[in-house]
């Protein structure tokens, strides 16, 4: 069959025109995305006049690039949940004030928010573990994670971080057995298998493409939140700006201040709960008839978290928070039930060879908690001292 050359000046075929149009549209799309990407704030070092370790905000803990680039040289990762939201406006001896405004040689770099339980922390520990310089860490274990039905594990899917999971899955120090456990738990709690496949370092070509889109979307989300994180970060104190070591905090003086401040904040009730919280929540009792022996999945996740720390080369101090003794008595959660919970957590730590700061004996100590859940004036001083001693021990 003879082929006829296209005559000069003849229009390209419809197929060629469609190909050119599609190629042009893709190029325009890629160019637009590149321009917008370049306009996003960097995950690198931010305003050096601020301190970022103690910021509690969406997108901060998940953004390991930003967190690691801006953590103090004396920063040690502290994995926890909503207790990190307690600010100096309520408790003036919170970590931001005691460590963040001094130069004591210890900073607590917060990782976690409310509803982040043991599985979330295990993923985060694996993600950060291969990159953090200071290897000692703290894990603040909340009793509410172990309420019957495994606490608030039903919220895990909404708290799942693709970026942290991808870093966890790609950490070569984490064993295949541990990765398989974490993946199975994520699927059981509602994370789509396709999303987990996309983060797998051995992903198929199709999953790798999906992973690229997941990476882009999550990185876009996290970078877009950086300005908000910077905006709420506290400015460095004069002592911090000067950088002259201030030495170990005066723990006895801080305890005296804590008891006085707690007493001044708790004047309308006999439970040592700050007045505004009591007024709003004294009829709210989610602890009523709770127990701690129907949470096998959460206990297993805690054991996994400690195993991740071991494999990642992190040395944890597990902070065992107490429940509010008088409040739990009122809620009909027996002392025997509570003691069994503490004993079970201690055994998990012992089995893992992990150190722990056990505050279970502080259930009835005034002002250890500021409400019915979170560490308060006395509690934070005791926790800070335990962590300081742990970090500075030879």
Foldseek 3Di string as FASTA:
>chain_A
DDDDDDDPPDDDDPVVVVVVVVVVVVVVVVVVLVVVVVVFDDLAEDDPQFAQQLFDDPLPLLSLSNLQRRHDPLEAEEEEEALSVDDCVFAVCFQCNQPVQAQASHHYRYHYYHPCALLNLLLSCLLCLQPHDQQEYEYEHFLQCQWAVRHVLLCCQVVDRLSSNLSNQPRPLDDPVLNVVSLVVNVVSPDDPLSNLLSHPPHDPVSVVVVVVVVVVRVVVSSNCVVVSVVPTGGHHPNVVVNDHPHDDPLVVLLVVLVVSLCVQDDPDDLSAGDVCCVVDVVPDPLAPIFRPNNVVSLVSNLSSLVSSVSSSHAYEYEYDAFQVVSNVVSVYDPVRRVVNLVSNVVSCVVSVHHYDYPNVCNHPRQCCNHRTHGHRNVSSVVVVVVVCVSPPD
